[in-house]
Amino acid sequence: MTHKNWLVWTPRVLLILFACFLSIFALDVFDEGRPLGEMLLAFVIHLTPTWLVLLLLIFAWRWPWIGVAGCLLLAAVYAFLAREHLSWILLISGPLLVIAGLFYWSWRVARS
């Protein structure tokens, strides 16, 4: 695999893995004693961050600069929303910042 191929694929694969990681948190809605319809609705709502990351990935696949801006925006919004929980910010915003940096690097190499 060439240097350029590595730079193209790494941020995309990491964003897919990040979406899978986020979707794991949606599984906490399944609980005994709750109606199935209520659990399914809660599950879809809890998957909203995953849908946002996958939507970002669709656009970032073709335009890496959108991956940079989108990952930075999602990281900043999450950091603001979870500002009282530093460990949560590191767990969610940290990988997004790394992926944004990789998208930026990929974009810069592709332009040169």
N, C-alpha and C. Protein backbone atom coordinates (compact mmCIF):
# COMPACT_ATOMS: atom_id res chain seq x y z
N MET A 1 0.86 -1.17 0.00
CA MET A 1 0.00 0.00 0.00
C MET A 1 0.90 1.23 0.00
N THR A 2 0.63 2.13 -0.90
CA THR A 2 1.45 3.32 -1.00
C THR A 2 1.08 4.32 0.09
N HIS A 3 1.95 5.28 0.25
CA HIS A 3 1.75 6.33 1.26
C HIS A 3 0.44 7.06 1.02
N LYS A 4 0.14 7.35 -0.24
CA LYS A 4 -1.07 8.10 -0.56
C LYS A 4 -2.32 7.26 -0.28
N ASN A 5 -2.30 5.98 -0.61
CA ASN A 5 -3.45 5.11 -0.34
C ASN A 5 -3.72 5.02 1.15
N TRP A 6 -2.67 4.92 1.94
CA TRP A 6 -2.82 4.85 3.39
C TRP A 6 -3.51 6.10 3.91
N LEU A 7 -3.10 7.24 3.39
CA LEU A 7 -3.69 8.51 3.83
C LEU A 7 -5.15 8.65 3.40
N VAL A 8 -5.50 8.08 2.29
CA VAL A 8 -6.88 8.16 1.81
C VAL A 8 -7.79 7.27 2.64
N TRP A 9 -7.34 6.05 2.92
CA TRP A 9 -8.22 5.07 3.56
C TRP A 9 -8.29 5.16 5.08
N THR A 10 -7.23 5.56 5.73
CA THR A 10 -7.20 5.55 7.20
C THR A 10 -8.30 6.40 7.83
N PRO A 11 -8.49 7.67 7.46
CA PRO A 11 -9.55 8.44 8.13
C PRO A 11 -10.94 7.89 7.84
N ARG A 12 -11.15 7.35 6.66
CA ARG A 12 -12.46 6.82 6.31
C ARG A 12 -12.78 5.56 7.12
N VAL A 13 -11.80 4.68 7.22
CA VAL A 13 -12.00 3.45 8.01
C VAL A 13 -12.18 3.79 9.49
N LEU A 14 -11.39 4.72 9.99
CA LEU A 14 -11.52 5.11 11.39
C LEU A 14 -12.88 5.75 11.68
N LEU A 15 -13.41 6.50 10.73
CA LEU A 15 -14.73 7.10 10.94
C LEU A 15 -15.82 6.02 10.94
N ILE A 16 -15.67 5.00 10.12
CA ILE A 16 -16.60 3.86 10.15
C ILE A 16 -16.52 3.16 11.50
N LEU A 17 -15.32 2.91 11.98
CA LEU A 17 -15.15 2.25 13.28
C LEU A 17 -15.69 3.13 14.41
N PHE A 18 -15.52 4.44 14.29
CA PHE A 18 -16.06 5.35 15.30
C PHE A 18 -17.58 5.31 15.32
N ALA A 19 -18.20 5.23 14.15
CA ALA A 19 -19.67 5.11 14.08
C ALA A 19 -20.12 3.81 14.74
N CYS A 20 -19.39 2.72 14.53
CA CYS A 20 -19.71 1.45 15.20
C CYS A 20 -19.57 1.58 16.72
N PHE A 21 -18.53 2.26 17.15
CA PHE A 21 -18.31 2.48 18.57
C PHE A 21 -19.46 3.28 19.18
N LEU A 22 -19.88 4.33 18.51
CA LEU A 22 -20.99 5.15 19.02
C LEU A 22 -22.29 4.35 19.09
N SER A 23 -22.50 3.48 18.12
CA SER A 23 -23.75 2.73 18.09
C SER A 23 -23.87 1.76 19.26
N ILE A 24 -22.76 1.37 19.83
CA ILE A 24 -22.80 0.47 21.00
C ILE A 24 -23.54 1.13 22.16
N PHE A 25 -23.39 2.44 22.30
CA PHE A 25 -24.04 3.15 23.41
C PHE A 25 -25.56 3.16 23.28
N ALA A 26 -26.08 2.93 22.08
CA ALA A 26 -27.53 2.92 21.88
C ALA A 26 -28.16 1.64 22.43
N LEU A 27 -27.36 0.64 22.67
CA LEU A 27 -27.90 -0.64 23.15
C LEU A 27 -28.39 -0.58 24.59
N ASP A 28 -28.06 0.47 25.31
CA ASP A 28 -28.47 0.55 26.71
C ASP A 28 -29.97 0.79 26.89
N VAL A 29 -30.69 1.02 25.80
CA VAL A 29 -32.13 1.27 25.92
C VAL A 29 -32.93 -0.02 26.11
N PHE A 30 -32.34 -1.15 25.78
CA PHE A 30 -33.06 -2.41 25.89
C PHE A 30 -33.05 -2.87 27.34
N ASP A 31 -34.25 -2.97 27.89
CA ASP A 31 -34.42 -3.26 29.30
C ASP A 31 -35.66 -4.13 29.47
N GLU A 32 -35.61 -5.06 30.38
CA GLU A 32 -36.78 -5.90 30.64
C GLU A 32 -37.90 -5.06 31.24
N GLY A 33 -39.11 -5.37 30.84
CA GLY A 33 -40.27 -4.70 31.41
C GLY A 33 -40.72 -3.48 30.65
N ARG A 34 -39.94 -3.02 29.70
CA ARG A 34 -40.36 -1.87 28.89
C ARG A 34 -41.03 -2.37 27.62
N PRO A 35 -42.03 -1.67 27.13
CA PRO A 35 -42.68 -2.08 25.88
C PRO A 35 -41.70 -2.04 24.70
N LEU A 36 -41.88 -2.97 23.78
CA LEU A 36 -40.97 -3.07 22.64
C LEU A 36 -40.98 -1.80 21.79
N GLY A 37 -42.15 -1.23 21.55
CA GLY A 37 -42.24 0.00 20.75
C GLY A 37 -41.48 1.14 21.37
N GLU A 38 -41.58 1.27 22.68
CA GLU A 38 -40.86 2.33 23.39
C GLU A 38 -39.35 2.12 23.28
N MET A 39 -38.91 0.87 23.40
CA MET A 39 -37.48 0.57 23.31
C MET A 39 -36.95 0.83 21.90
N LEU A 40 -37.73 0.46 20.88
CA LEU A 40 -37.29 0.68 19.51
C LEU A 40 -37.19 2.17 19.18
N LEU A 41 -38.15 2.95 19.65
CA LEU A 41 -38.10 4.40 19.44
C LEU A 41 -36.88 5.00 20.15
N ALA A 42 -36.65 4.59 21.38
CA ALA A 42 -35.48 5.07 22.11
C ALA A 42 -34.18 4.65 21.42
N PHE A 43 -34.16 3.45 20.85
CA PHE A 43 -32.99 2.96 20.15
C PHE A 43 -32.68 3.83 18.93
N VAL A 44 -33.71 4.15 18.15
CA VAL A 44 -33.51 5.00 16.97
C VAL A 44 -33.03 6.38 17.39
N ILE A 45 -33.58 6.93 18.45
CA ILE A 45 -33.15 8.24 18.94
C ILE A 45 -31.71 8.20 19.42
N HIS A 46 -31.34 7.12 20.12
CA HIS A 46 -29.97 7.01 20.61
C HIS A 46 -28.96 6.78 19.49
N LEU A 47 -29.44 6.38 18.32
CA LEU A 47 -28.55 6.20 17.18
C LEU A 47 -28.33 7.50 16.39
N THR A 48 -28.94 8.60 16.81
CA THR A 48 -28.79 9.87 16.10
C THR A 48 -27.33 10.28 15.91
N PRO A 49 -26.48 10.19 16.92
CA PRO A 49 -25.07 10.54 16.68
C PRO A 49 -24.41 9.64 15.62
N THR A 50 -24.79 8.37 15.61
CA THR A 50 -24.25 7.47 14.60
C THR A 50 -24.70 7.88 13.21
N TRP A 51 -25.98 8.26 13.07
CA TRP A 51 -26.48 8.71 11.76
C TRP A 51 -25.74 9.96 11.32
N LEU A 52 -25.45 10.86 12.24
CA LEU A 52 -24.72 12.08 11.89
C LEU A 52 -23.31 11.76 11.40
N VAL A 53 -22.64 10.83 12.08
CA VAL A 53 -21.28 10.44 11.68
C VAL A 53 -21.31 9.76 10.31
N LEU A 54 -22.30 8.90 10.07
CA LEU A 54 -22.39 8.23 8.77
C LEU A 54 -22.74 9.22 7.65
N LEU A 55 -23.57 10.19 7.94
CA LEU A 55 -23.87 11.23 6.95
C LEU A 55 -22.61 12.04 6.63
N LEU A 56 -21.87 12.37 7.67
CA LEU A 56 -20.60 13.06 7.47
C LEU A 56 -19.67 12.22 6.61
N LEU A 57 -19.61 10.93 6.87
CA LEU A 57 -18.74 10.03 6.11
C LEU A 57 -19.10 10.01 4.64
N ILE A 58 -20.39 10.04 4.33
CA ILE A 58 -20.83 10.03 2.93
C ILE A 58 -20.22 11.22 2.17
N PHE A 59 -20.28 12.39 2.78
CA PHE A 59 -19.73 13.58 2.12
C PHE A 59 -18.21 13.63 2.19
N ALA A 60 -17.65 13.18 3.30
CA ALA A 60 -16.19 13.22 3.47
C ALA A 60 -15.49 12.22 2.56
N TRP A 61 -16.21 11.21 2.13
CA TRP A 61 -15.60 10.21 1.26
C TRP A 61 -15.12 10.86 -0.05
N ARG A 62 -15.90 11.78 -0.55
CA ARG A 62 -15.56 12.45 -1.81
C ARG A 62 -14.76 13.72 -1.57
N TRP A 63 -15.10 14.45 -0.51
CA TRP A 63 -14.47 15.73 -0.20
C TRP A 63 -13.87 15.69 1.20
N PRO A 64 -12.58 15.39 1.31
CA PRO A 64 -11.96 15.27 2.63
C PRO A 64 -12.05 16.53 3.48
N TRP A 65 -12.11 17.70 2.87
CA TRP A 65 -12.22 18.94 3.66
C TRP A 65 -13.53 18.96 4.44
N ILE A 66 -14.56 18.32 3.92
CA ILE A 66 -15.81 18.21 4.68
C ILE A 66 -15.60 17.30 5.89
N GLY A 67 -14.77 16.28 5.74
CA GLY A 67 -14.43 15.42 6.87
C GLY A 67 -13.70 16.19 7.96
N VAL A 68 -12.81 17.08 7.54
CA VAL A 68 -12.09 17.93 8.51
C VAL A 68 -13.08 18.81 9.26
N ALA A 69 -13.86 19.57 8.52
CA ALA A 69 -14.79 20.52 9.14
C ALA A 69 -15.85 19.79 9.97
N GLY A 70 -16.39 18.71 9.44
CA GLY A 70 -17.44 17.98 10.14
C GLY A 70 -16.96 17.34 11.43
N CYS A 71 -15.80 16.72 11.39
CA CYS A 71 -15.26 16.10 12.60
C CYS A 71 -14.93 17.15 13.65
N LEU A 72 -14.36 18.27 13.22
CA LEU A 72 -14.07 19.35 14.17
C LEU A 72 -15.36 19.90 14.78
N LEU A 73 -16.38 20.07 13.95
CA LEU A 73 -17.65 20.58 14.43
C LEU A 73 -18.30 19.61 15.42
N LEU A 74 -18.34 18.33 15.07
CA LEU A 74 -18.93 17.34 15.98
C LEU A 74 -18.16 17.26 17.29
N ALA A 75 -16.83 17.32 17.22
CA ALA A 75 -16.02 17.28 18.44
C ALA A 75 -16.29 18.50 19.32
N ALA A 76 -16.40 19.67 18.70
CA ALA A 76 -16.66 20.89 19.47
C ALA A 76 -18.05 20.88 20.09
N VAL A 77 -19.04 20.45 19.33
CA VAL A 77 -20.41 20.41 19.86
C VAL A 77 -20.49 19.42 21.02
N TYR A 78 -19.88 18.25 20.85
CA TYR A 78 -19.93 17.28 21.95
C TYR A 78 -19.18 17.80 23.17
N ALA A 79 -18.03 18.42 22.96
CA ALA A 79 -17.27 18.96 24.09
C ALA A 79 -18.07 20.02 24.83
N PHE A 80 -18.83 20.82 24.10
CA PHE A 80 -19.67 21.83 24.75
C PHE A 80 -20.80 21.18 25.53
N LEU A 81 -21.44 20.19 24.93
CA LEU A 81 -22.58 19.54 25.58
C LEU A 81 -22.18 18.72 26.80
N ALA A 82 -20.98 18.16 26.78
CA ALA A 82 -20.52 17.32 27.89
C ALA A 82 -19.41 18.00 28.68
N ARG A 83 -19.45 19.31 28.77
CA ARG A 83 -18.35 20.08 29.35
C ARG A 83 -18.05 19.75 30.80
N GLU A 84 -18.97 19.14 31.53
CA GLU A 84 -18.70 18.78 32.93
C GLU A 84 -18.05 17.41 33.07
N HIS A 85 -17.88 16.69 31.96
CA HIS A 85 -17.36 15.32 32.02
C HIS A 85 -16.13 15.20 31.11
N LEU A 86 -14.98 15.50 31.65
CA LEU A 86 -13.75 15.49 30.87
C LEU A 86 -13.47 14.12 30.25
N SER A 87 -13.71 13.05 30.98
CA SER A 87 -13.43 11.71 30.44
C SER A 87 -14.34 11.41 29.24
N TRP A 88 -15.58 11.87 29.28
CA TRP A 88 -16.47 11.66 28.14
C TRP A 88 -15.97 12.44 26.93
N ILE A 89 -15.52 13.66 27.17
CA ILE A 89 -15.01 14.49 26.07
C ILE A 89 -13.80 13.82 25.42
N LEU A 90 -12.90 13.32 26.25
CA LEU A 90 -11.72 12.64 25.70
C LEU A 90 -12.10 11.40 24.91
N LEU A 91 -13.11 10.68 25.38
CA LEU A 91 -13.52 9.44 24.74
C LEU A 91 -14.22 9.67 23.40
N ILE A 92 -14.99 10.73 23.28
CA ILE A 92 -15.76 10.98 22.06
C ILE A 92 -15.09 12.04 21.18
N SER A 93 -14.74 13.18 21.73
CA SER A 93 -14.15 14.25 20.93
C SER A 93 -12.71 13.96 20.54
N GLY A 94 -11.98 13.25 21.39
CA GLY A 94 -10.58 12.93 21.09
C GLY A 94 -10.41 12.19 19.77
N PRO A 95 -11.10 11.06 19.58
CA PRO A 95 -10.97 10.36 18.29
C PRO A 95 -11.43 11.20 17.10
N LEU A 96 -12.46 12.02 17.31
CA LEU A 96 -12.91 12.88 16.21
C LEU A 96 -11.83 13.88 15.81
N LEU A 97 -11.09 14.39 16.79
CA LEU A 97 -10.00 15.32 16.47
C LEU A 97 -8.87 14.62 15.71
N VAL A 98 -8.57 13.40 16.10
CA VAL A 98 -7.54 12.62 15.39
C VAL A 98 -7.98 12.35 13.95
N ILE A 99 -9.24 11.96 13.78
CA ILE A 99 -9.76 11.68 12.44
C ILE A 99 -9.78 12.96 11.60
N ALA A 100 -10.14 14.09 12.21
CA ALA A 100 -10.11 15.37 11.49
C ALA A 100 -8.69 15.67 11.02
N GLY A 101 -7.70 15.42 11.87
CA GLY A 101 -6.31 15.64 11.49
C GLY A 101 -5.89 14.74 10.33
N LEU A 102 -6.34 13.49 10.34
CA LEU A 102 -6.02 12.58 9.24
C LEU A 102 -6.71 12.99 7.94
N PHE A 103 -7.97 13.44 8.05
CA PHE A 103 -8.64 13.95 6.85
C PHE A 103 -7.91 15.17 6.30
N TYR A 104 -7.44 16.04 7.19
CA TYR A 104 -6.71 17.23 6.76
C TYR A 104 -5.43 16.83 6.04
N TRP A 105 -4.70 15.90 6.61
CA TRP A 105 -3.46 15.43 6.00
C TRP A 105 -3.74 14.81 4.63
N SER A 106 -4.78 14.00 4.55
CA SER A 106 -5.17 13.37 3.29
C SER A 106 -5.53 14.43 2.25
N TRP A 107 -6.27 15.42 2.67
CA TRP A 107 -6.70 16.49 1.77
C TRP A 107 -5.48 17.28 1.25
N ARG A 108 -4.56 17.61 2.15
CA ARG A 108 -3.37 18.37 1.75
C ARG A 108 -2.48 17.60 0.78
N VAL A 109 -2.31 16.30 1.02
CA VAL A 109 -1.49 15.49 0.14
C VAL A 109 -2.15 15.35 -1.22
N ALA A 110 -3.46 15.20 -1.24
CA ALA A 110 -4.19 15.06 -2.51
C ALA A 110 -4.11 16.35 -3.34
N ARG A 111 -4.05 17.49 -2.67
CA ARG A 111 -3.99 18.78 -3.39
C ARG A 111 -2.60 19.06 -3.95
N SER A 112 -1.58 18.43 -3.41
CA SER A 112 -0.21 18.74 -3.88
C SER A 112 0.25 17.79 -4.96
